[in-house]
Amino acid sequence: MVRVVRRVLAAVFALVLTLASTAEAKKEVPQVLCESCRATLTELRTMVDKTAKKQGRENAVTDAMEAICEDMYNFRTYAYPPPQMQKGCRTIMDRHEEEIETALWRGDENLVEFICGRPKGACHGVDMSEEAVNSKPMEIVKDFEDDEL
């Protein structure tokens, strides 16, 4: 009887580990994170440029950075569904907030390449061709792991 219980518990444990590793694999959607990075920085630059003359550049940057990930409307025109893009936006902002803020204050022209395209950036080594983007199933991204950037 004890052997049967141990075997059942071992089988359940193995099943749980398999399901957990499958869930982790679903989190890894590099194209979504790359597109989110590019979209976030593009939208930030647009927001800052629209309001910098009225508010001053520093205030415009601060306001844009506080608002960018809150409204899914900012991401409606991109390749992935807005909820995925919004989650990616939050990931990018959490990891690179100070760098992005400094680059926006300076008015860096190559902001997207500087943050997204550099080695270990969200887009480094990611195939963002139309075929690659369209071939991936669009699953809901629950979270991104630290090693994805």
N, C-alpha and C. Protein backbone atom coordinates (compact mmCIF):
# COMPACT_ATOMS: atom_id res chain seq x y z
N MET A 1 0.81 -1.20 0.00
CA MET A 1 0.00 0.00 0.00
C MET A 1 0.86 1.27 0.00
N VAL A 2 1.90 1.27 0.82
CA VAL A 2 2.79 2.41 0.90
C VAL A 2 3.50 2.62 -0.43
N ARG A 3 3.89 1.54 -1.08
CA ARG A 3 4.55 1.65 -2.38
C ARG A 3 3.62 2.27 -3.42
N VAL A 4 2.39 1.90 -3.40
CA VAL A 4 1.41 2.44 -4.35
C VAL A 4 1.25 3.94 -4.13
N VAL A 5 1.14 4.35 -2.89
CA VAL A 5 0.99 5.77 -2.56
C VAL A 5 2.23 6.54 -3.01
N ARG A 6 3.41 5.99 -2.77
CA ARG A 6 4.65 6.65 -3.19
C ARG A 6 4.71 6.79 -4.71
N ARG A 7 4.32 5.75 -5.42
CA ARG A 7 4.33 5.81 -6.89
C ARG A 7 3.34 6.84 -7.41
N VAL A 8 2.17 6.89 -6.79
CA VAL A 8 1.17 7.88 -7.20
C VAL A 8 1.69 9.29 -6.93
N LEU A 9 2.27 9.50 -5.76
CA LEU A 9 2.83 10.82 -5.44
C LEU A 9 3.96 11.18 -6.39
N ALA A 10 4.81 10.22 -6.73
CA ALA A 10 5.90 10.48 -7.67
C ALA A 10 5.35 10.84 -9.04
N ALA A 11 4.31 10.16 -9.48
CA ALA A 11 3.70 10.46 -10.78
C ALA A 11 3.06 11.84 -10.77
N VAL A 12 2.38 12.18 -9.69
CA VAL A 12 1.77 13.52 -9.58
C VAL A 12 2.85 14.59 -9.57
N PHE A 13 3.91 14.36 -8.84
CA PHE A 13 5.01 15.32 -8.79
C PHE A 13 5.63 15.52 -10.17
N ALA A 14 5.85 14.45 -10.90
CA ALA A 14 6.41 14.54 -12.25
C ALA A 14 5.47 15.31 -13.18
N LEU A 15 4.18 15.08 -13.04
CA LEU A 15 3.20 15.79 -13.85
C LEU A 15 3.21 17.28 -13.55
N VAL A 16 3.30 17.63 -12.27
CA VAL A 16 3.34 19.04 -11.87
C VAL A 16 4.59 19.70 -12.44
N LEU A 17 5.73 19.04 -12.37
CA LEU A 17 6.96 19.60 -12.93
C LEU A 17 6.85 19.80 -14.43
N THR A 18 6.26 18.87 -15.12
CA THR A 18 6.08 18.98 -16.57
C THR A 18 5.18 20.16 -16.91
N LEU A 19 4.09 20.30 -16.20
CA LEU A 19 3.18 21.43 -16.44
C LEU A 19 3.84 22.75 -16.13
N ALA A 20 4.64 22.80 -15.07
CA ALA A 20 5.33 24.04 -14.71
C ALA A 20 6.33 24.43 -15.78
N SER A 21 7.08 23.47 -16.32
CA SER A 21 8.05 23.80 -17.36
C SER A 21 7.35 24.24 -18.64
N THR A 22 6.18 23.68 -18.93
CA THR A 22 5.40 24.11 -20.10
C THR A 22 4.92 25.53 -19.91
N ALA A 23 4.47 25.87 -18.71
CA ALA A 23 4.02 27.23 -18.43
C ALA A 23 5.17 28.21 -18.57
N GLU A 24 6.36 27.83 -18.11
CA GLU A 24 7.52 28.71 -18.25
C GLU A 24 7.84 28.94 -19.72
N ALA A 25 7.74 27.91 -20.54
CA ALA A 25 8.04 28.05 -21.96
C ALA A 25 7.07 29.01 -22.62
N LYS A 26 5.82 29.01 -22.20
CA LYS A 26 4.84 29.92 -22.79
C LYS A 26 5.15 31.38 -22.47
N LYS A 27 5.84 31.63 -21.36
CA LYS A 27 6.18 32.99 -20.99
C LYS A 27 7.22 33.58 -21.94
N GLU A 28 8.01 32.74 -22.52
CA GLU A 28 9.12 33.20 -23.34
C GLU A 28 8.66 33.49 -24.76
N VAL A 29 8.29 34.72 -24.99
CA VAL A 29 7.86 35.15 -26.32
C VAL A 29 8.72 36.36 -26.67
N PRO A 30 9.93 36.10 -27.18
CA PRO A 30 10.86 37.20 -27.43
C PRO A 30 10.34 38.23 -28.43
N GLN A 31 9.54 37.80 -29.41
CA GLN A 31 9.01 38.76 -30.38
C GLN A 31 8.08 39.77 -29.71
N VAL A 32 7.29 39.31 -28.75
CA VAL A 32 6.38 40.22 -28.04
C VAL A 32 7.18 41.22 -27.22
N LEU A 33 8.21 40.76 -26.53
CA LEU A 33 9.02 41.66 -25.71
C LEU A 33 9.75 42.66 -26.59
N CYS A 34 10.28 42.21 -27.72
CA CYS A 34 10.96 43.11 -28.65
C CYS A 34 10.00 44.16 -29.20
N GLU A 35 8.85 43.71 -29.68
CA GLU A 35 7.86 44.64 -30.22
C GLU A 35 7.38 45.60 -29.13
N SER A 36 7.24 45.12 -27.91
CA SER A 36 6.85 45.98 -26.79
C SER A 36 7.90 47.03 -26.51
N CYS A 37 9.15 46.65 -26.58
CA CYS A 37 10.24 47.59 -26.36
C CYS A 37 10.22 48.68 -27.41
N ARG A 38 10.15 48.28 -28.67
CA ARG A 38 10.13 49.26 -29.76
C ARG A 38 8.91 50.16 -29.67
N ALA A 39 7.75 49.58 -29.38
CA ALA A 39 6.51 50.36 -29.30
C ALA A 39 6.55 51.32 -28.12
N THR A 40 7.00 50.85 -26.98
CA THR A 40 7.05 51.69 -25.78
C THR A 40 7.92 52.91 -26.02
N LEU A 41 9.10 52.70 -26.58
CA LEU A 41 10.01 53.82 -26.78
C LEU A 41 9.53 54.76 -27.88
N THR A 42 8.92 54.21 -28.91
CA THR A 42 8.36 55.04 -29.98
C THR A 42 7.22 55.90 -29.43
N GLU A 43 6.33 55.29 -28.67
CA GLU A 43 5.20 56.03 -28.10
C GLU A 43 5.66 57.05 -27.06
N LEU A 44 6.67 56.71 -26.28
CA LEU A 44 7.22 57.66 -25.31
C LEU A 44 7.76 58.90 -26.02
N ARG A 45 8.54 58.67 -27.07
CA ARG A 45 9.11 59.80 -27.80
C ARG A 45 8.00 60.69 -28.37
N THR A 46 6.96 60.08 -28.91
CA THR A 46 5.83 60.84 -29.46
C THR A 46 5.15 61.66 -28.37
N MET A 47 4.90 61.03 -27.22
CA MET A 47 4.25 61.73 -26.11
C MET A 47 5.09 62.91 -25.63
N VAL A 48 6.38 62.70 -25.50
CA VAL A 48 7.28 63.77 -25.03
C VAL A 48 7.33 64.90 -26.05
N ASP A 49 7.49 64.56 -27.32
CA ASP A 49 7.58 65.59 -28.36
C ASP A 49 6.31 66.44 -28.44
N LYS A 50 5.15 65.84 -28.19
CA LYS A 50 3.89 66.58 -28.25
C LYS A 50 3.74 67.59 -27.12
N THR A 51 4.30 67.29 -25.95
CA THR A 51 4.06 68.14 -24.78
C THR A 51 5.27 68.91 -24.28
N ALA A 52 6.44 68.68 -24.85
CA ALA A 52 7.67 69.30 -24.34
C ALA A 52 7.65 70.82 -24.41
N LYS A 53 7.09 71.39 -25.47
CA LYS A 53 7.09 72.85 -25.60
C LYS A 53 6.23 73.51 -24.53
N LYS A 54 5.09 72.90 -24.21
CA LYS A 54 4.19 73.46 -23.20
C LYS A 54 4.70 73.25 -21.79
N GLN A 55 5.13 72.03 -21.50
CA GLN A 55 5.47 71.65 -20.13
C GLN A 55 6.95 71.77 -19.80
N GLY A 56 7.77 71.87 -20.80
CA GLY A 56 9.20 71.74 -20.59
C GLY A 56 9.57 70.28 -20.75
N ARG A 57 10.76 70.03 -21.25
CA ARG A 57 11.15 68.65 -21.58
C ARG A 57 11.14 67.73 -20.36
N GLU A 58 11.68 68.19 -19.25
CA GLU A 58 11.77 67.33 -18.07
C GLU A 58 10.38 66.91 -17.57
N ASN A 59 9.45 67.85 -17.49
CA ASN A 59 8.08 67.52 -17.06
C ASN A 59 7.39 66.61 -18.07
N ALA A 60 7.62 66.86 -19.35
CA ALA A 60 7.01 66.03 -20.39
C ALA A 60 7.50 64.59 -20.29
N VAL A 61 8.79 64.42 -20.03
CA VAL A 61 9.37 63.08 -19.89
C VAL A 61 8.76 62.37 -18.67
N THR A 62 8.71 63.07 -17.55
CA THR A 62 8.16 62.48 -16.33
C THR A 62 6.71 62.06 -16.52
N ASP A 63 5.90 62.94 -17.10
CA ASP A 63 4.49 62.62 -17.33
C ASP A 63 4.31 61.44 -18.29
N ALA A 64 5.08 61.43 -19.36
CA ALA A 64 4.98 60.36 -20.34
C ALA A 64 5.38 59.01 -19.73
N MET A 65 6.43 59.01 -18.94
CA MET A 65 6.89 57.77 -18.34
C MET A 65 5.89 57.22 -17.33
N GLU A 66 5.19 58.10 -16.65
CA GLU A 66 4.16 57.65 -15.71
C GLU A 66 2.94 57.09 -16.43
N ALA A 67 2.65 57.58 -17.62
CA ALA A 67 1.42 57.22 -18.32
C ALA A 67 1.56 56.11 -19.36
N ILE A 68 2.75 55.88 -19.86
CA ILE A 68 2.91 55.05 -21.06
C ILE A 68 2.32 53.65 -20.95
N CYS A 69 2.50 52.97 -19.87
CA CYS A 69 2.03 51.57 -19.76
C CYS A 69 0.61 51.45 -19.23
N GLU A 70 0.04 52.55 -18.80
CA GLU A 70 -1.28 52.48 -18.17
C GLU A 70 -2.42 52.33 -19.16
N ASP A 71 -2.26 52.85 -20.35
CA ASP A 71 -3.35 52.86 -21.32
C ASP A 71 -3.04 51.91 -22.48
N MET A 72 -3.81 50.84 -22.60
CA MET A 72 -3.59 49.89 -23.70
C MET A 72 -3.80 50.55 -25.06
N TYR A 73 -4.53 51.64 -25.10
CA TYR A 73 -4.78 52.37 -26.33
C TYR A 73 -3.47 52.76 -27.02
N ASN A 74 -2.42 52.98 -26.24
CA ASN A 74 -1.11 53.33 -26.80
C ASN A 74 -0.56 52.24 -27.72
N PHE A 75 -1.04 51.01 -27.57
CA PHE A 75 -0.46 49.87 -28.27
C PHE A 75 -1.41 49.21 -29.26
N ARG A 76 -2.43 49.88 -29.68
CA ARG A 76 -3.46 49.28 -30.53
C ARG A 76 -2.99 49.03 -31.96
N THR A 77 -1.96 49.71 -32.43
CA THR A 77 -1.54 49.60 -33.83
C THR A 77 -0.35 48.65 -34.05
N TYR A 78 0.01 47.91 -33.04
CA TYR A 78 1.20 47.06 -33.15
C TYR A 78 0.83 45.61 -33.43
N ALA A 79 1.84 44.77 -33.63
CA ALA A 79 1.65 43.40 -34.12
C ALA A 79 0.98 42.45 -33.13
N TYR A 80 1.04 42.75 -31.86
CA TYR A 80 0.49 41.86 -30.85
C TYR A 80 -0.66 42.54 -30.11
N PRO A 81 -1.53 41.75 -29.49
CA PRO A 81 -2.68 42.34 -28.78
C PRO A 81 -2.24 43.31 -27.68
N PRO A 82 -2.99 44.38 -27.50
CA PRO A 82 -2.62 45.39 -26.49
C PRO A 82 -2.33 44.85 -25.09
N PRO A 83 -3.05 43.85 -24.57
CA PRO A 83 -2.68 43.37 -23.23
C PRO A 83 -1.27 42.80 -23.17
N GLN A 84 -0.84 42.11 -24.23
CA GLN A 84 0.52 41.58 -24.27
C GLN A 84 1.52 42.73 -24.36
N MET A 85 1.21 43.70 -25.17
CA MET A 85 2.10 44.85 -25.34
C MET A 85 2.21 45.64 -24.04
N GLN A 86 1.11 45.77 -23.34
CA GLN A 86 1.10 46.50 -22.08
C GLN A 86 1.98 45.78 -21.04
N LYS A 87 1.89 44.48 -20.98
CA LYS A 87 2.73 43.70 -20.06
C LYS A 87 4.21 43.86 -20.43
N GLY A 88 4.50 43.82 -21.73
CA GLY A 88 5.87 44.04 -22.18
C GLY A 88 6.36 45.44 -21.86
N CYS A 89 5.48 46.42 -21.99
CA CYS A 89 5.82 47.80 -21.64
C CYS A 89 6.24 47.89 -20.18
N ARG A 90 5.47 47.27 -19.33
CA ARG A 90 5.80 47.30 -17.89
C ARG A 90 7.15 46.63 -17.62
N THR A 91 7.41 45.55 -18.32
CA THR A 91 8.69 44.85 -18.16
C THR A 91 9.85 45.75 -18.58
N ILE A 92 9.72 46.36 -19.74
CA ILE A 92 10.76 47.26 -20.25
C ILE A 92 10.98 48.44 -19.30
N MET A 93 9.90 49.04 -18.86
CA MET A 93 10.02 50.20 -17.96
C MET A 93 10.63 49.80 -16.62
N ASP A 94 10.25 48.66 -16.09
CA ASP A 94 10.83 48.20 -14.82
C ASP A 94 12.34 48.01 -14.93
N ARG A 95 12.78 47.51 -16.05
CA ARG A 95 14.20 47.18 -16.21
C ARG A 95 15.07 48.34 -16.67
N HIS A 96 14.49 49.29 -17.38
CA HIS A 96 15.32 50.32 -18.01
C HIS A 96 14.84 51.74 -17.73
N GLU A 97 14.06 51.93 -16.69
CA GLU A 97 13.44 53.24 -16.45
C GLU A 97 14.45 54.38 -16.41
N GLU A 98 15.51 54.24 -15.64
CA GLU A 98 16.48 55.33 -15.51
C GLU A 98 17.18 55.63 -16.83
N GLU A 99 17.58 54.59 -17.55
CA GLU A 99 18.24 54.79 -18.84
C GLU A 99 17.31 55.48 -19.84
N ILE A 100 16.06 55.04 -19.87
CA ILE A 100 15.09 55.62 -20.79
C ILE A 100 14.85 57.08 -20.44
N GLU A 101 14.68 57.35 -19.16
CA GLU A 101 14.42 58.72 -18.71
C GLU A 101 15.57 59.65 -19.09
N THR A 102 16.79 59.22 -18.83
CA THR A 102 17.96 60.03 -19.16
C THR A 102 18.07 60.26 -20.66
N ALA A 103 17.86 59.22 -21.44
CA ALA A 103 17.94 59.34 -22.90
C ALA A 103 16.86 60.28 -23.44
N LEU A 104 15.66 60.22 -22.87
CA LEU A 104 14.58 61.12 -23.30
C LEU A 104 14.89 62.56 -22.93
N TRP A 105 15.43 62.79 -21.75
CA TRP A 105 15.80 64.15 -21.35
C TRP A 105 16.83 64.73 -22.30
N ARG A 106 17.78 63.88 -22.71
CA ARG A 106 18.83 64.35 -23.63
C ARG A 106 18.33 64.47 -25.06
N GLY A 107 17.21 63.84 -25.35
CA GLY A 107 16.68 63.86 -26.72
C GLY A 107 17.43 62.94 -27.65
N ASP A 108 17.97 61.83 -27.13
CA ASP A 108 18.71 60.88 -27.95
C ASP A 108 17.87 60.40 -29.13
N GLU A 109 18.45 60.47 -30.30
CA GLU A 109 17.76 60.05 -31.52
C GLU A 109 17.67 58.53 -31.66
N ASN A 110 18.66 57.82 -31.14
CA ASN A 110 18.73 56.36 -31.31
C ASN A 110 18.22 55.62 -30.08
N LEU A 111 17.19 56.12 -29.46
CA LEU A 111 16.67 55.54 -28.23
C LEU A 111 16.27 54.08 -28.40
N VAL A 112 15.55 53.77 -29.45
CA VAL A 112 15.07 52.40 -29.67
C VAL A 112 16.26 51.45 -29.84
N GLU A 113 17.22 51.83 -30.65
CA GLU A 113 18.40 50.97 -30.86
C GLU A 113 19.22 50.85 -29.58
N PHE A 114 19.34 51.95 -28.85
CA PHE A 114 20.15 51.97 -27.63
C PHE A 114 19.58 51.02 -26.58
N ILE A 115 18.28 51.01 -26.39
CA ILE A 115 17.66 50.19 -25.36
C ILE A 115 17.30 48.79 -25.88
N CYS A 116 16.66 48.72 -27.02
CA CYS A 116 16.12 47.44 -27.51
C CYS A 116 17.12 46.61 -28.30
N GLY A 117 17.98 47.26 -29.07
CA GLY A 117 18.84 46.55 -30.00
C GLY A 117 20.20 46.17 -29.50
N ARG A 118 20.60 46.69 -28.37
CA ARG A 118 21.95 46.39 -27.86
C ARG A 118 22.07 44.93 -27.44
N PRO A 119 23.30 44.45 -27.28
CA PRO A 119 23.47 43.09 -26.78
C PRO A 119 22.71 42.92 -25.45
N LYS A 120 22.00 41.86 -25.32
CA LYS A 120 21.13 41.55 -24.19
C LYS A 120 19.90 42.45 -24.13
N GLY A 121 19.69 43.25 -25.17
CA GLY A 121 18.47 44.05 -25.26
C GLY A 121 17.31 43.17 -25.68
N ALA A 122 16.11 43.70 -25.59
CA ALA A 122 14.90 42.91 -25.88
C ALA A 122 14.85 42.40 -27.31
N CYS A 123 15.50 43.09 -28.24
CA CYS A 123 15.44 42.69 -29.65
C CYS A 123 16.70 42.01 -30.15
N HIS A 124 17.71 41.93 -29.32
CA HIS A 124 18.97 41.33 -29.75
C HIS A 124 18.77 39.87 -30.12
N GLY A 125 19.04 39.54 -31.38
CA GLY A 125 18.92 38.18 -31.86
C GLY A 125 17.50 37.70 -32.13
N VAL A 126 16.53 38.61 -32.07
CA VAL A 126 15.13 38.23 -32.29
C VAL A 126 14.77 38.48 -33.75
N ASP A 127 14.21 37.47 -34.38
CA ASP A 127 13.75 37.60 -35.77
C ASP A 127 12.40 38.30 -35.75
N MET A 128 12.37 39.55 -36.20
CA MET A 128 11.13 40.33 -36.21
C MET A 128 10.58 40.48 -37.63
N SER A 129 11.00 39.58 -38.52
CA SER A 129 10.44 39.62 -39.87
C SER A 129 8.94 39.32 -39.79
N GLU A 130 8.21 39.73 -40.81
CA GLU A 130 6.76 39.52 -40.82
C GLU A 130 6.42 38.04 -40.69
N GLU A 131 7.21 37.19 -41.34
CA GLU A 131 6.95 35.76 -41.27
C GLU A 131 7.11 35.23 -39.85
N ALA A 132 8.15 35.68 -39.16
CA ALA A 132 8.40 35.20 -37.80
C ALA A 132 7.31 35.68 -36.84
N VAL A 133 6.92 36.92 -36.98
CA VAL A 133 5.89 37.48 -36.11
C VAL A 133 4.56 36.77 -36.34
N ASN A 134 4.21 36.54 -37.59
CA ASN A 134 2.92 35.93 -37.90
C ASN A 134 2.89 34.42 -37.65
N SER A 135 4.03 33.77 -37.57
CA SER A 135 4.05 32.33 -37.36
C SER A 135 3.92 31.94 -35.89
N LYS A 136 4.16 32.88 -35.00
CA LYS A 136 4.07 32.59 -33.57
C LYS A 136 2.62 32.62 -33.12
N PRO A 137 2.20 31.65 -32.32
CA PRO A 137 0.85 31.75 -31.75
C PRO A 137 0.82 32.90 -30.76
N MET A 138 -0.27 33.62 -30.72
CA MET A 138 -0.38 34.77 -29.83
C MET A 138 -1.00 34.33 -28.51
N GLU A 139 -0.15 33.80 -27.65
CA GLU A 139 -0.66 33.40 -26.36
C GLU A 139 -0.54 34.57 -25.39
N ILE A 140 -1.30 34.54 -24.35
CA ILE A 140 -1.24 35.59 -23.35
C ILE A 140 0.07 35.43 -22.59
N VAL A 141 0.80 36.51 -22.48
CA VAL A 141 2.07 36.51 -21.79
C VAL A 141 1.81 36.94 -20.36
N LYS A 142 2.09 36.06 -19.42
CA LYS A 142 1.80 36.35 -18.02
C LYS A 142 2.91 37.16 -17.38
N ASP A 143 4.15 36.91 -17.76
CA ASP A 143 5.27 37.61 -17.17
C ASP A 143 6.50 37.30 -18.00
N PHE A 144 7.50 38.14 -17.90
CA PHE A 144 8.75 37.90 -18.61
C PHE A 144 9.83 37.61 -17.58
N GLU A 145 10.73 36.75 -17.92
CA GLU A 145 11.82 36.40 -17.02
C GLU A 145 12.95 37.41 -17.18
N ASP A 146 13.77 37.58 -16.12
CA ASP A 146 14.88 38.53 -16.14
C ASP A 146 15.90 38.22 -17.22
N ASP A 147 16.10 36.96 -17.55
CA ASP A 147 17.12 36.61 -18.53
C ASP A 147 16.68 36.83 -19.97
N GLU A 148 15.48 37.37 -20.18
CA GLU A 148 15.02 37.62 -21.54
C GLU A 148 15.56 38.93 -22.09
N LEU A 149 16.12 39.77 -21.25
CA LEU A 149 16.68 41.04 -21.73
C LEU A 149 18.18 41.00 -21.67
